[in-house]
C-alpha cells in the first residue's frame, strides 16, 4: 500500500472501519458484538467488543475535534 500526500484542505480523521482481531491468531473475529460509546458531539470514544465470554475495549481520543489517538484493544 502506498500513501500519497495530496495538497488540499485539512480534514479531520475519523475511524473508517473497526475490526477486532483474535488475540491469539490475529485474524478478524466475526463472532464479537460491539457496543459503541459517543461523546456529546457524536464522536466515537469507545468500542466495547465481546464474544460472550471475554470483553475488550478500545478508546479514541480527540484534540480540537480531530481524532488524535486510539488505544490497542484492552481485555477487561
C-alpha atoms as a PDB file:
ATOM      1  CA  UNK A   1       0.000   0.000   0.000  1.00  0.00           C
ATOM      2  CA  UNK A   2       1.297   3.440  -0.866  1.00  0.00           C
ATOM      3  CA  UNK A   3       0.308   6.698   0.782  1.00  0.00           C
ATOM      4  CA  UNK A   4       0.414   9.868  -1.261  1.00  0.00           C
ATOM      5  CA  UNK A   5       0.326  13.361   0.178  1.00  0.00           C
ATOM      6  CA  UNK A   6      -2.093  15.490  -1.809  1.00  0.00           C
ATOM      7  CA  UNK A   7      -2.192  19.224  -1.089  1.00  0.00           C
ATOM      8  CA  UNK A   8      -5.551  20.499  -0.026  1.00  0.00           C
ATOM      9  CA  UNK A   9      -7.698  21.367   2.956  1.00  0.00           C
ATOM     10  CA  UNK A  10      -7.022  19.609   6.218  1.00  0.00           C
ATOM     11  CA  UNK A  11      -9.731  17.129   7.141  1.00  0.00           C
ATOM     12  CA  UNK A  12     -10.486  15.554  10.495  1.00  0.00           C
ATOM     13  CA  UNK A  13      -9.515  11.922  10.796  1.00  0.00           C
ATOM     14  CA  UNK A  14     -12.291   9.528  11.714  1.00  0.00           C
ATOM     15  CA  UNK A  15     -12.280   5.771  12.184  1.00  0.00           C
ATOM     16  CA  UNK A  16     -13.265   4.223   8.865  1.00  0.00           C
ATOM     17  CA  UNK A  17     -13.591   0.610   9.972  1.00  0.00           C
ATOM     18  CA  UNK A  18     -13.301  -1.195  13.234  1.00  0.00           C
ATOM     19  CA  UNK A  19     -12.121  -4.783  13.086  1.00  0.00           C
ATOM     20  CA  UNK A  20     -11.431  -6.839  16.181  1.00  0.00           C
ATOM     21  CA  UNK A  21      -8.587  -9.274  15.631  1.00  0.00           C
ATOM     22  CA  UNK A  22      -8.487 -12.529  17.547  1.00  0.00           C
ATOM     23  CA  UNK A  23      -5.819 -12.064  20.235  1.00  0.00           C
ATOM     24  CA  UNK A  24      -4.320 -15.497  19.597  1.00  0.00           C
ATOM     25  CA  UNK A  25      -4.485 -15.728  15.817  1.00  0.00           C
ATOM     26  CA  UNK A  26      -4.562 -12.087  14.701  1.00  0.00           C
ATOM     27  CA  UNK A  27      -7.479 -12.941  12.402  1.00  0.00           C
ATOM     28  CA  UNK A  28     -10.687 -10.860  12.318  1.00  0.00           C
ATOM     29  CA  UNK A  29     -13.147 -12.316  14.797  1.00  0.00           C
ATOM     30  CA  UNK A  30     -16.643 -12.112  13.326  1.00  0.00           C
ATOM     31  CA  UNK A  31     -18.372 -13.578  16.377  1.00  0.00           C
ATOM     32  CA  UNK A  32     -17.994 -10.451  18.532  1.00  0.00           C
ATOM     33  CA  UNK A  33     -20.762  -7.993  19.208  1.00  0.00           C
ATOM     34  CA  UNK A  34     -19.900  -4.326  19.688  1.00  0.00           C
ATOM     35  CA  UNK A  35     -21.285  -1.504  21.800  1.00  0.00           C
ATOM     36  CA  UNK A  36     -20.149   1.964  20.770  1.00  0.00           C
ATOM     37  CA  UNK A  37     -19.862   4.976  23.094  1.00  0.00           C
ATOM     38  CA  UNK A  38     -20.109   8.533  21.813  1.00  0.00           C
ATOM     39  CA  UNK A  39     -19.427  11.924  23.374  1.00  0.00           C
ATOM     40  CA  UNK A  40     -21.928  14.790  23.422  1.00  0.00           C
ATOM     41  CA  UNK A  41     -20.830  15.920  19.930  1.00  0.00           C
ATOM     42  CA  UNK A  42     -21.357  12.474  18.408  1.00  0.00           C
ATOM     43  CA  UNK A  43     -17.701  11.452  18.188  1.00  0.00           C
ATOM     44  CA  UNK A  44     -16.853   7.794  18.775  1.00  0.00           C
ATOM     45  CA  UNK A  45     -14.985   7.497  22.090  1.00  0.00           C
ATOM     46  CA  UNK A  46     -15.203   3.779  22.965  1.00  0.00           C
ATOM     47  CA  UNK A  47     -15.740   0.486  21.199  1.00  0.00           C
ATOM     48  CA  UNK A  48     -16.525  -2.399  23.535  1.00  0.00           C
ATOM     49  CA  UNK A  49     -16.477  -5.863  21.982  1.00  0.00           C
ATOM     50  CA  UNK A  50     -17.489  -9.188  23.464  1.00  0.00           C
ATOM     51  CA  UNK A  51     -17.562 -12.758  22.244  1.00  0.00           C
ATOM     52  CA  UNK A  52     -19.891 -13.765  25.078  1.00  0.00           C
ATOM     53  CA  UNK A  53     -17.000 -14.832  27.304  1.00  0.00           C
ATOM     54  CA  UNK A  54     -14.337 -12.138  27.008  1.00  0.00           C
ATOM     55  CA  UNK A  55     -14.666  -8.366  26.642  1.00  0.00           C
ATOM     56  CA  UNK A  56     -12.242  -5.908  25.041  1.00  0.00           C
ATOM     57  CA  UNK A  57     -12.348  -2.123  24.845  1.00  0.00           C
ATOM     58  CA  UNK A  58     -10.703   0.392  22.509  1.00  0.00           C
ATOM     59  CA  UNK A  59     -10.707   4.109  23.325  1.00  0.00           C
ATOM     60  CA  UNK A  60     -10.448   7.025  20.898  1.00  0.00           C
ATOM     61  CA  UNK A  61      -9.142  10.499  21.773  1.00  0.00           C
ATOM     62  CA  UNK A  62      -9.605  13.846  20.058  1.00  0.00           C
ATOM     63  CA  UNK A  63      -7.863  17.221  20.126  1.00  0.00           C
ATOM     64  CA  UNK A  64      -9.744  20.267  18.854  1.00  0.00           C
ATOM     65  CA  UNK A  65     -12.316  17.930  17.328  1.00  0.00           C
ATOM     66  CA  UNK A  66      -9.774  15.863  15.390  1.00  0.00           C
ATOM     67  CA  UNK A  67      -9.009  12.209  16.048  1.00  0.00           C
ATOM     68  CA  UNK A  68      -5.528  12.132  17.548  1.00  0.00           C
ATOM     69  CA  UNK A  69      -5.263   8.684  19.057  1.00  0.00           C
ATOM     70  CA  UNK A  70      -6.683   5.268  19.630  1.00  0.00           C
ATOM     71  CA  UNK A  71      -5.652   2.608  22.081  1.00  0.00           C
ATOM     72  CA  UNK A  72      -4.967  -1.010  21.328  1.00  0.00           C
ATOM     73  CA  UNK A  73      -7.674  -3.473  22.309  1.00  0.00           C
ATOM     74  CA  UNK A  74      -7.541  -3.959  26.091  1.00  0.00           C
ATOM     75  CA  UNK A  75      -9.014  -7.109  27.592  1.00  0.00           C
ATOM     76  CA  UNK A  76     -11.276  -6.330  30.539  1.00  0.00           C
END
